[in-house]
């Protein structure tokens, strides 16, 4: 047994252990100085929320500027497997109508989400479907005629 065998064995074990560790990705809003749940209803305003948390990830589409969302997500991916969502945090801050005062703060997690079944039906298109042979031979005879001396690019043809 060579003296390099234990070194090679240790390197192989380290590489195998590293392959089992997930690749962790963090996306979206990142808490730096203050957690979003430290925002207090009735005390904070739009300006204090902007100062503490920064601009929101998104704003409500249907309620105008009255609801702000701070969204963050953590994903894990093992070597040859697809990416899995490990955690999701959404902070919903609601402002009172006609006022800049915070009306409510709600924390939404991954467990509050719902799976939506996608519809796999296709919308039919009008027209006929061509076979492979029709697609290959469909343009035969539709090509351009060979160029002549009169067909000089950049020069107009006399009509």
N, C-alpha and C. Protein backbone atom coordinates (compact mmCIF):
# COMPACT_ATOMS: atom_id res chain seq x y z
N UNK A 1 0.85 -1.17 0.00
CA UNK A 1 0.00 0.00 0.00
C UNK A 1 0.90 1.23 0.00
N UNK A 2 0.57 2.14 -0.87
CA UNK A 2 1.38 3.34 -1.03
C UNK A 2 1.10 4.34 0.09
N UNK A 3 1.99 5.27 0.30
CA UNK A 3 1.78 6.26 1.36
C UNK A 3 0.78 7.32 0.93
N UNK A 4 0.43 7.38 -0.36
CA UNK A 4 -0.54 8.35 -0.85
C UNK A 4 -1.98 7.84 -0.76
N UNK A 5 -2.17 6.58 -0.47
CA UNK A 5 -3.51 6.00 -0.40
C UNK A 5 -4.38 6.67 0.67
N UNK A 6 -3.90 6.90 1.90
CA UNK A 6 -4.76 7.58 2.88
C UNK A 6 -5.12 9.01 2.45
N UNK A 7 -4.20 9.69 1.79
CA UNK A 7 -4.49 11.05 1.32
C UNK A 7 -5.56 11.02 0.24
N UNK A 8 -5.44 10.10 -0.70
CA UNK A 8 -6.43 9.97 -1.76
C UNK A 8 -7.79 9.55 -1.21
N UNK A 9 -7.80 8.67 -0.23
CA UNK A 9 -9.05 8.25 0.40
C UNK A 9 -9.71 9.41 1.13
N UNK A 10 -8.93 10.23 1.84
CA UNK A 10 -9.48 11.39 2.54
C UNK A 10 -10.02 12.41 1.54
N UNK A 11 -9.33 12.62 0.43
CA UNK A 11 -9.80 13.56 -0.60
C UNK A 11 -11.10 13.07 -1.23
N UNK A 12 -11.21 11.76 -1.47
CA UNK A 12 -12.43 11.19 -2.04
C UNK A 12 -13.61 11.32 -1.07
N UNK A 13 -13.36 11.10 0.21
CA UNK A 13 -14.42 11.25 1.21
C UNK A 13 -14.86 12.71 1.34
N UNK A 14 -13.91 13.63 1.28
CA UNK A 14 -14.25 15.06 1.36
C UNK A 14 -15.06 15.49 0.15
N UNK A 15 -14.69 15.01 -1.02
CA UNK A 15 -15.44 15.35 -2.24
C UNK A 15 -16.85 14.74 -2.18
N UNK A 16 -16.96 13.55 -1.67
CA UNK A 16 -18.28 12.92 -1.54
C UNK A 16 -19.16 13.64 -0.55
N UNK A 17 -18.57 14.09 0.55
CA UNK A 17 -19.35 14.83 1.55
C UNK A 17 -19.77 16.19 1.00
N UNK A 18 -18.91 16.83 0.23
CA UNK A 18 -19.24 18.14 -0.35
C UNK A 18 -20.35 18.01 -1.37
N UNK A 19 -20.42 16.88 -2.06
CA UNK A 19 -21.47 16.68 -3.06
C UNK A 19 -22.84 16.53 -2.41
N UNK A 20 -22.88 16.14 -1.14
CA UNK A 20 -24.15 15.97 -0.45
C UNK A 20 -24.67 17.26 0.15
N UNK A 21 -23.85 18.29 0.22
CA UNK A 21 -24.28 19.56 0.80
C UNK A 21 -25.10 20.33 -0.23
N UNK A 22 -26.21 20.94 0.20
CA UNK A 22 -27.05 21.66 -0.76
C UNK A 22 -26.45 23.02 -1.12
N UNK A 23 -26.81 23.48 -2.30
CA UNK A 23 -26.49 24.85 -2.70
C UNK A 23 -27.67 25.71 -2.26
N UNK A 24 -27.43 26.63 -1.35
CA UNK A 24 -28.50 27.45 -0.78
C UNK A 24 -28.52 28.80 -1.49
N UNK A 25 -29.72 29.21 -1.93
CA UNK A 25 -29.88 30.51 -2.56
C UNK A 25 -30.88 31.36 -1.80
N UNK A 26 -30.55 32.62 -1.60
CA UNK A 26 -31.46 33.55 -0.92
C UNK A 26 -31.83 34.63 -1.90
N UNK A 27 -33.12 34.84 -2.11
CA UNK A 27 -33.61 35.77 -3.10
C UNK A 27 -34.59 36.75 -2.46
N UNK A 28 -34.65 37.95 -3.00
CA UNK A 28 -35.64 38.92 -2.56
C UNK A 28 -35.15 39.80 -1.42
N UNK A 29 -36.07 40.22 -0.58
CA UNK A 29 -35.81 41.15 0.52
C UNK A 29 -34.92 40.49 1.57
N UNK A 30 -33.86 41.20 1.96
CA UNK A 30 -32.96 40.70 2.99
C UNK A 30 -33.01 41.63 4.20
N UNK A 31 -33.32 41.07 5.36
CA UNK A 31 -33.35 41.87 6.59
C UNK A 31 -31.94 42.21 7.02
N UNK A 32 -31.68 43.49 7.27
CA UNK A 32 -30.34 43.89 7.67
C UNK A 32 -30.36 44.40 9.11
N UNK A 33 -31.05 45.50 9.36
CA UNK A 33 -31.03 46.10 10.70
C UNK A 33 -32.28 45.79 11.51
N UNK A 34 -33.41 45.64 10.84
CA UNK A 34 -34.68 45.49 11.55
C UNK A 34 -35.51 44.42 10.86
N UNK A 35 -36.21 43.65 11.65
CA UNK A 35 -37.11 42.64 11.10
C UNK A 35 -38.44 43.29 10.74
N UNK A 36 -39.10 42.83 9.69
CA UNK A 36 -40.37 43.43 9.30
C UNK A 36 -41.46 43.32 10.37
N UNK A 37 -41.38 42.31 11.23
CA UNK A 37 -42.40 42.19 12.27
C UNK A 37 -42.22 43.21 13.38
N UNK A 38 -41.17 44.03 13.34
CA UNK A 38 -40.98 45.10 14.32
C UNK A 38 -41.70 46.38 13.92
N UNK A 39 -42.35 46.39 12.78
CA UNK A 39 -43.17 47.53 12.35
C UNK A 39 -44.47 47.48 13.16
N UNK A 40 -44.85 48.59 13.77
CA UNK A 40 -46.02 48.62 14.64
C UNK A 40 -47.17 49.37 13.98
N UNK A 41 -48.35 48.75 14.04
CA UNK A 41 -49.55 49.38 13.50
C UNK A 41 -49.95 50.56 14.37
N UNK A 42 -50.31 51.68 13.74
CA UNK A 42 -50.72 52.87 14.47
C UNK A 42 -49.57 53.76 14.90
N UNK A 43 -48.35 53.26 14.84
CA UNK A 43 -47.19 54.04 15.26
C UNK A 43 -46.37 54.47 14.05
N UNK A 44 -46.07 53.53 13.17
CA UNK A 44 -45.22 53.81 12.02
C UNK A 44 -46.02 54.41 10.87
N UNK A 45 -45.31 55.12 10.00
CA UNK A 45 -45.91 55.71 8.80
C UNK A 45 -45.13 55.21 7.59
N UNK A 46 -45.56 55.65 6.40
CA UNK A 46 -44.87 55.25 5.17
C UNK A 46 -43.39 55.64 5.22
N UNK A 47 -43.13 56.85 5.72
CA UNK A 47 -41.75 57.33 5.76
C UNK A 47 -40.89 56.50 6.72
N UNK A 48 -41.43 56.14 7.87
CA UNK A 48 -40.65 55.35 8.82
C UNK A 48 -40.45 53.93 8.31
N UNK A 49 -41.45 53.38 7.60
CA UNK A 49 -41.29 52.05 7.01
C UNK A 49 -40.21 52.09 5.94
N UNK A 50 -40.23 53.13 5.10
CA UNK A 50 -39.18 53.26 4.08
C UNK A 50 -37.81 53.43 4.72
N UNK A 51 -37.73 54.16 5.80
CA UNK A 51 -36.45 54.36 6.47
C UNK A 51 -35.95 53.08 7.12
N UNK A 52 -36.85 52.27 7.69
CA UNK A 52 -36.45 51.06 8.40
C UNK A 52 -36.18 49.88 7.45
N UNK A 53 -37.09 49.67 6.48
CA UNK A 53 -37.02 48.49 5.63
C UNK A 53 -36.56 48.76 4.20
N UNK A 54 -36.65 50.01 3.76
CA UNK A 54 -36.33 50.31 2.38
C UNK A 54 -37.56 50.16 1.51
N UNK A 55 -37.37 50.25 0.21
CA UNK A 55 -38.52 50.16 -0.69
C UNK A 55 -39.04 48.73 -0.72
N UNK A 56 -40.36 48.57 -0.91
CA UNK A 56 -40.94 47.22 -0.88
C UNK A 56 -40.58 46.42 -2.13
N UNK A 57 -40.72 45.10 -2.01
CA UNK A 57 -40.50 44.24 -3.17
C UNK A 57 -41.54 44.51 -4.24
N UNK A 58 -42.78 44.71 -3.81
CA UNK A 58 -43.87 45.03 -4.73
C UNK A 58 -44.96 45.75 -3.98
N UNK A 59 -45.82 46.41 -4.72
CA UNK A 59 -46.98 47.09 -4.15
C UNK A 59 -48.22 46.42 -4.67
N UNK A 60 -49.33 46.60 -3.97
CA UNK A 60 -50.58 45.97 -4.36
C UNK A 60 -51.04 46.48 -5.72
N UNK A 61 -51.53 45.58 -6.53
CA UNK A 61 -51.99 45.94 -7.85
C UNK A 61 -53.37 46.56 -7.82
N UNK A 62 -54.25 46.03 -7.00
CA UNK A 62 -55.66 46.44 -7.03
C UNK A 62 -56.01 47.49 -5.99
N UNK A 63 -55.27 47.61 -4.92
CA UNK A 63 -55.58 48.57 -3.87
C UNK A 63 -54.74 49.84 -3.97
N UNK A 64 -54.09 50.07 -5.07
CA UNK A 64 -53.26 51.27 -5.21
C UNK A 64 -52.00 51.17 -4.38
N UNK A 65 -51.74 52.21 -3.61
CA UNK A 65 -50.52 52.26 -2.78
C UNK A 65 -50.80 51.86 -1.33
N UNK A 66 -51.94 51.21 -1.06
CA UNK A 66 -52.31 50.96 0.33
C UNK A 66 -51.70 49.68 0.92
N UNK A 67 -51.13 48.80 0.11
CA UNK A 67 -50.52 47.57 0.64
C UNK A 67 -49.13 47.41 0.02
N UNK A 68 -48.14 47.21 0.89
CA UNK A 68 -46.76 46.96 0.45
C UNK A 68 -46.38 45.54 0.84
N UNK A 69 -45.59 44.88 -0.01
CA UNK A 69 -45.14 43.52 0.26
C UNK A 69 -43.61 43.48 0.24
N UNK A 70 -43.05 42.82 1.26
CA UNK A 70 -41.62 42.54 1.33
C UNK A 70 -41.48 41.02 1.24
N UNK A 71 -40.88 40.53 0.15
CA UNK A 71 -40.86 39.10 -0.16
C UNK A 71 -39.42 38.59 -0.14
N UNK A 72 -39.20 37.46 0.55
CA UNK A 72 -37.90 36.79 0.51
C UNK A 72 -38.14 35.29 0.40
N UNK A 73 -37.17 34.61 -0.22
CA UNK A 73 -37.30 33.17 -0.44
C UNK A 73 -35.94 32.51 -0.34
N UNK A 74 -35.91 31.32 0.24
CA UNK A 74 -34.69 30.53 0.35
C UNK A 74 -34.90 29.23 -0.41
N UNK A 75 -33.94 28.89 -1.29
CA UNK A 75 -34.03 27.66 -2.07
C UNK A 75 -32.83 26.78 -1.77
N UNK A 76 -33.02 25.47 -1.96
CA UNK A 76 -31.94 24.50 -1.80
C UNK A 76 -31.90 23.62 -3.04
N UNK A 77 -30.67 23.31 -3.45
CA UNK A 77 -30.52 22.43 -4.60
C UNK A 77 -29.40 21.45 -4.31
N UNK A 78 -29.75 20.17 -4.34
CA UNK A 78 -28.75 19.13 -4.19
C UNK A 78 -28.21 18.78 -5.57
N UNK A 79 -27.12 18.10 -5.64
CA UNK A 79 -26.30 17.94 -6.84
C UNK A 79 -27.08 17.79 -8.15
N UNK A 80 -27.83 16.74 -8.33
CA UNK A 80 -28.51 16.52 -9.61
C UNK A 80 -30.02 16.61 -9.49
N UNK A 81 -30.50 17.18 -8.43
CA UNK A 81 -31.94 17.28 -8.21
C UNK A 81 -32.43 18.69 -8.56
N UNK A 82 -33.72 18.84 -8.85
CA UNK A 82 -34.24 20.18 -9.12
C UNK A 82 -34.26 21.04 -7.86
N UNK A 83 -34.32 22.34 -8.04
CA UNK A 83 -34.32 23.29 -6.93
C UNK A 83 -35.63 23.19 -6.15
N UNK A 84 -35.54 23.17 -4.83
CA UNK A 84 -36.70 23.11 -3.95
C UNK A 84 -36.76 24.38 -3.11
N UNK A 85 -37.95 24.88 -2.88
CA UNK A 85 -38.13 26.06 -2.03
C UNK A 85 -38.09 25.59 -0.58
N UNK A 86 -37.13 26.08 0.20
CA UNK A 86 -36.97 25.69 1.59
C UNK A 86 -37.74 26.61 2.52
N UNK A 87 -37.87 27.86 2.16
CA UNK A 87 -38.58 28.81 3.01
C UNK A 87 -39.00 30.03 2.23
N UNK A 88 -40.11 30.60 2.63
CA UNK A 88 -40.61 31.82 2.00
C UNK A 88 -41.22 32.69 3.08
N UNK A 89 -40.93 33.98 3.01
CA UNK A 89 -41.46 34.92 3.99
C UNK A 89 -41.98 36.14 3.25
N UNK A 90 -43.24 36.45 3.47
CA UNK A 90 -43.86 37.63 2.88
C UNK A 90 -44.42 38.47 4.01
N UNK A 91 -44.02 39.73 4.05
CA UNK A 91 -44.55 40.66 5.04
C UNK A 91 -45.46 41.62 4.31
N UNK A 92 -46.72 41.65 4.74
CA UNK A 92 -47.72 42.51 4.12
C UNK A 92 -47.99 43.68 5.06
N UNK A 93 -47.71 44.89 4.61
CA UNK A 93 -47.95 46.09 5.42
C UNK A 93 -49.08 46.86 4.78
N UNK A 94 -50.17 47.04 5.55
CA UNK A 94 -51.36 47.73 5.05
C UNK A 94 -51.41 49.12 5.66
N UNK A 95 -51.67 50.11 4.80
CA UNK A 95 -51.80 51.49 5.25
C UNK A 95 -53.28 51.89 5.25
N UNK A 96 -53.65 52.76 6.18
CA UNK A 96 -55.03 53.23 6.29
C UNK A 96 -55.37 54.07 5.06
N UNK A 97 -56.63 54.01 4.62
CA UNK A 97 -57.09 54.77 3.46
C UNK A 97 -56.98 56.27 3.74
N UNK A 98 -56.37 56.99 2.82
CA UNK A 98 -56.26 58.44 2.95
C UNK A 98 -55.26 58.88 4.00
N UNK A 99 -54.47 57.96 4.53
CA UNK A 99 -53.50 58.30 5.57
C UNK A 99 -52.20 57.55 5.30
N UNK A 100 -51.12 58.03 5.86
CA UNK A 100 -49.84 57.35 5.75
C UNK A 100 -49.56 56.43 6.93
N UNK A 101 -50.52 56.28 7.81
CA UNK A 101 -50.37 55.48 9.04
C UNK A 101 -50.49 53.99 8.71
N UNK A 102 -49.62 53.19 9.34
CA UNK A 102 -49.68 51.74 9.17
C UNK A 102 -50.91 51.21 9.90
N UNK A 103 -51.74 50.47 9.16
CA UNK A 103 -52.97 49.92 9.73
C UNK A 103 -52.76 48.49 10.24
N UNK A 104 -51.93 47.72 9.54
CA UNK A 104 -51.70 46.35 9.97
C UNK A 104 -50.47 45.75 9.33
N UNK A 105 -49.89 44.77 10.03
CA UNK A 105 -48.73 44.04 9.53
C UNK A 105 -49.07 42.56 9.63
N UNK A 106 -48.90 41.85 8.52
CA UNK A 106 -49.22 40.42 8.50
C UNK A 106 -48.04 39.66 7.92
N UNK A 107 -47.63 38.58 8.58
CA UNK A 107 -46.53 37.73 8.11
C UNK A 107 -47.12 36.49 7.47
N UNK A 108 -46.69 36.20 6.26
CA UNK A 108 -47.18 35.04 5.51
C UNK A 108 -45.98 34.16 5.22
N UNK A 109 -46.09 32.87 5.53
CA UNK A 109 -44.99 31.94 5.33
C UNK A 109 -45.26 30.95 4.22
N UNK A 110 -44.34 30.03 4.05
CA UNK A 110 -44.45 29.01 3.02
C UNK A 110 -45.65 28.11 3.26
N UNK A 111 -45.97 27.86 4.51
CA UNK A 111 -47.10 26.98 4.83
C UNK A 111 -48.45 27.61 4.49
N UNK A 112 -48.49 28.92 4.31
CA UNK A 112 -49.73 29.60 3.95
C UNK A 112 -50.01 29.56 2.45
N UNK A 113 -49.03 29.13 1.66
CA UNK A 113 -49.19 29.08 0.21
C UNK A 113 -50.05 27.91 -0.22
N UNK A 114 -50.53 28.00 -1.44
CA UNK A 114 -51.35 26.92 -2.01
C UNK A 114 -50.76 26.50 -3.34
N UNK A 115 -50.85 25.22 -3.63
CA UNK A 115 -50.42 24.71 -4.93
C UNK A 115 -51.55 24.91 -5.93
N UNK A 116 -51.21 25.42 -7.08
CA UNK A 116 -52.20 25.65 -8.12
C UNK A 116 -51.94 24.65 -9.23
N UNK A 117 -52.99 23.90 -9.59
CA UNK A 117 -52.86 22.92 -10.67
C UNK A 117 -52.96 23.64 -12.01
N UNK A 118 -51.93 23.50 -12.80
CA UNK A 118 -51.93 24.14 -14.11
C UNK A 118 -52.78 23.32 -15.08
N UNK A 119 -53.46 24.00 -15.98
CA UNK A 119 -54.26 23.34 -16.99
C UNK A 119 -53.37 23.04 -18.17
N UNK A 120 -53.27 21.76 -18.55
CA UNK A 120 -52.36 21.38 -19.62
C UNK A 120 -53.03 21.31 -20.98
N UNK A 121 -54.28 21.75 -21.09
CA UNK A 121 -54.94 21.74 -22.39
C UNK A 121 -54.34 22.82 -23.29
N UNK A 122 -54.47 22.63 -24.58
CA UNK A 122 -53.93 23.58 -25.54
C UNK A 122 -55.08 24.25 -26.29
N UNK A 123 -54.86 25.48 -26.67
CA UNK A 123 -55.85 26.18 -27.48
C UNK A 123 -55.68 25.72 -28.92
N UNK A 124 -56.77 25.25 -29.54
CA UNK A 124 -56.63 24.77 -30.92
C UNK A 124 -56.39 25.95 -31.88
N UNK A 125 -55.57 25.70 -32.88
CA UNK A 125 -55.32 26.72 -33.90
C UNK A 125 -56.11 26.37 -35.15
N UNK A 126 -56.48 27.40 -35.87
CA UNK A 126 -57.25 27.18 -37.10
C UNK A 126 -56.31 26.85 -38.24
N UNK A 127 -56.83 26.17 -39.21
CA UNK A 127 -56.02 25.80 -40.37
C UNK A 127 -55.78 24.31 -40.38
N UNK A 128 -55.06 23.87 -41.38
CA UNK A 128 -54.81 22.43 -41.47
C UNK A 128 -53.40 22.12 -41.01
N UNK A 129 -53.19 20.92 -40.56
CA UNK A 129 -51.88 20.49 -40.12
C UNK A 129 -51.17 19.81 -41.29
N UNK A 130 -49.93 20.17 -41.49
CA UNK A 130 -49.16 19.61 -42.59
C UNK A 130 -48.39 18.38 -42.11
N UNK A 131 -48.31 17.39 -43.00
CA UNK A 131 -47.49 16.23 -42.69
C UNK A 131 -46.03 16.59 -42.91
N UNK A 132 -45.13 15.70 -42.54
CA UNK A 132 -43.71 15.95 -42.69
C UNK A 132 -43.35 16.09 -44.17
N UNK A 133 -43.93 15.24 -45.01
CA UNK A 133 -43.65 15.30 -46.43
C UNK A 133 -44.16 16.60 -47.05
N UNK A 134 -45.34 17.05 -46.63
CA UNK A 134 -45.87 18.33 -47.12
C UNK A 134 -45.01 19.50 -46.67
N UNK A 135 -44.47 19.43 -45.47
CA UNK A 135 -43.59 20.50 -45.01
C UNK A 135 -42.28 20.54 -45.80
N UNK A 136 -41.74 19.35 -46.11
CA UNK A 136 -40.48 19.30 -46.85
C UNK A 136 -40.65 19.74 -48.31
N UNK A 137 -41.71 19.30 -48.94
CA UNK A 137 -41.91 19.58 -50.36
C UNK A 137 -42.82 20.77 -50.61
N UNK A 138 -43.28 21.42 -49.59
CA UNK A 138 -44.25 22.51 -49.76
C UNK A 138 -43.70 23.71 -50.48
N UNK A 139 -42.42 23.97 -50.38
CA UNK A 139 -41.84 25.16 -51.00
C UNK A 139 -41.20 24.87 -52.36
N UNK A 140 -41.30 23.64 -52.84
CA UNK A 140 -40.73 23.33 -54.14
C UNK A 140 -41.53 24.08 -55.19
N UNK A 141 -40.85 24.80 -56.03
CA UNK A 141 -41.52 25.56 -57.09
C UNK A 141 -41.87 26.97 -56.67
N UNK A 142 -41.71 27.31 -55.42
CA UNK A 142 -42.00 28.66 -54.94
C UNK A 142 -40.74 29.51 -54.84
N UNK A 143 -39.60 28.95 -55.20
CA UNK A 143 -38.34 29.67 -55.04
C UNK A 143 -38.20 30.81 -56.03
N UNK A 144 -37.14 31.58 -55.88
CA UNK A 144 -36.88 32.69 -56.78
C UNK A 144 -36.22 32.18 -58.05
N UNK A 145 -36.41 32.95 -59.10
CA UNK A 145 -35.75 32.63 -60.35
C UNK A 145 -34.28 32.99 -60.25
N UNK A 146 -33.45 32.35 -61.03
CA UNK A 146 -32.03 32.70 -60.96
C UNK A 146 -31.80 34.14 -61.40
N UNK A 147 -30.78 34.76 -60.86
CA UNK A 147 -30.47 36.15 -61.17
C UNK A 147 -29.96 36.27 -62.62
N UNK A 148 -30.31 37.41 -63.18
CA UNK A 148 -29.83 37.72 -64.53
C UNK A 148 -28.92 38.93 -64.44
N UNK A 149 -28.45 39.39 -65.62
CA UNK A 149 -27.58 40.55 -65.65
C UNK A 149 -28.33 41.82 -65.25
N UNK A 150 -29.64 41.84 -65.44
CA UNK A 150 -30.43 43.03 -65.11
C UNK A 150 -30.67 43.16 -63.61
N UNK A 151 -30.58 42.05 -62.89
CA UNK A 151 -30.82 42.07 -61.44
C UNK A 151 -29.53 42.43 -60.72
N UNK A 152 -29.25 43.69 -60.67
CA UNK A 152 -28.04 44.16 -60.00
C UNK A 152 -28.50 44.80 -58.69
N UNK A 153 -28.04 44.29 -57.52
CA UNK A 153 -28.48 44.89 -56.27
C UNK A 153 -28.05 46.34 -56.18
N UNK A 154 -28.94 47.21 -55.79
CA UNK A 154 -28.65 48.61 -55.65
C UNK A 154 -29.04 49.42 -56.88
N UNK A 155 -29.40 48.76 -57.95
CA UNK A 155 -29.82 49.45 -59.15
C UNK A 155 -31.25 49.08 -59.45
N UNK A 156 -32.07 50.07 -59.75
CA UNK A 156 -33.48 49.81 -60.06
C UNK A 156 -33.63 49.24 -61.46
N UNK A 157 -34.60 48.40 -61.57
CA UNK A 157 -34.91 47.84 -62.89
C UNK A 157 -35.72 48.85 -63.69
N UNK A 158 -35.46 48.97 -64.93
CA UNK A 158 -36.31 49.86 -65.75
C UNK A 158 -37.65 49.19 -65.99
N UNK A 159 -38.70 49.90 -65.72
CA UNK A 159 -40.04 49.33 -65.94
C UNK A 159 -40.68 49.85 -67.18
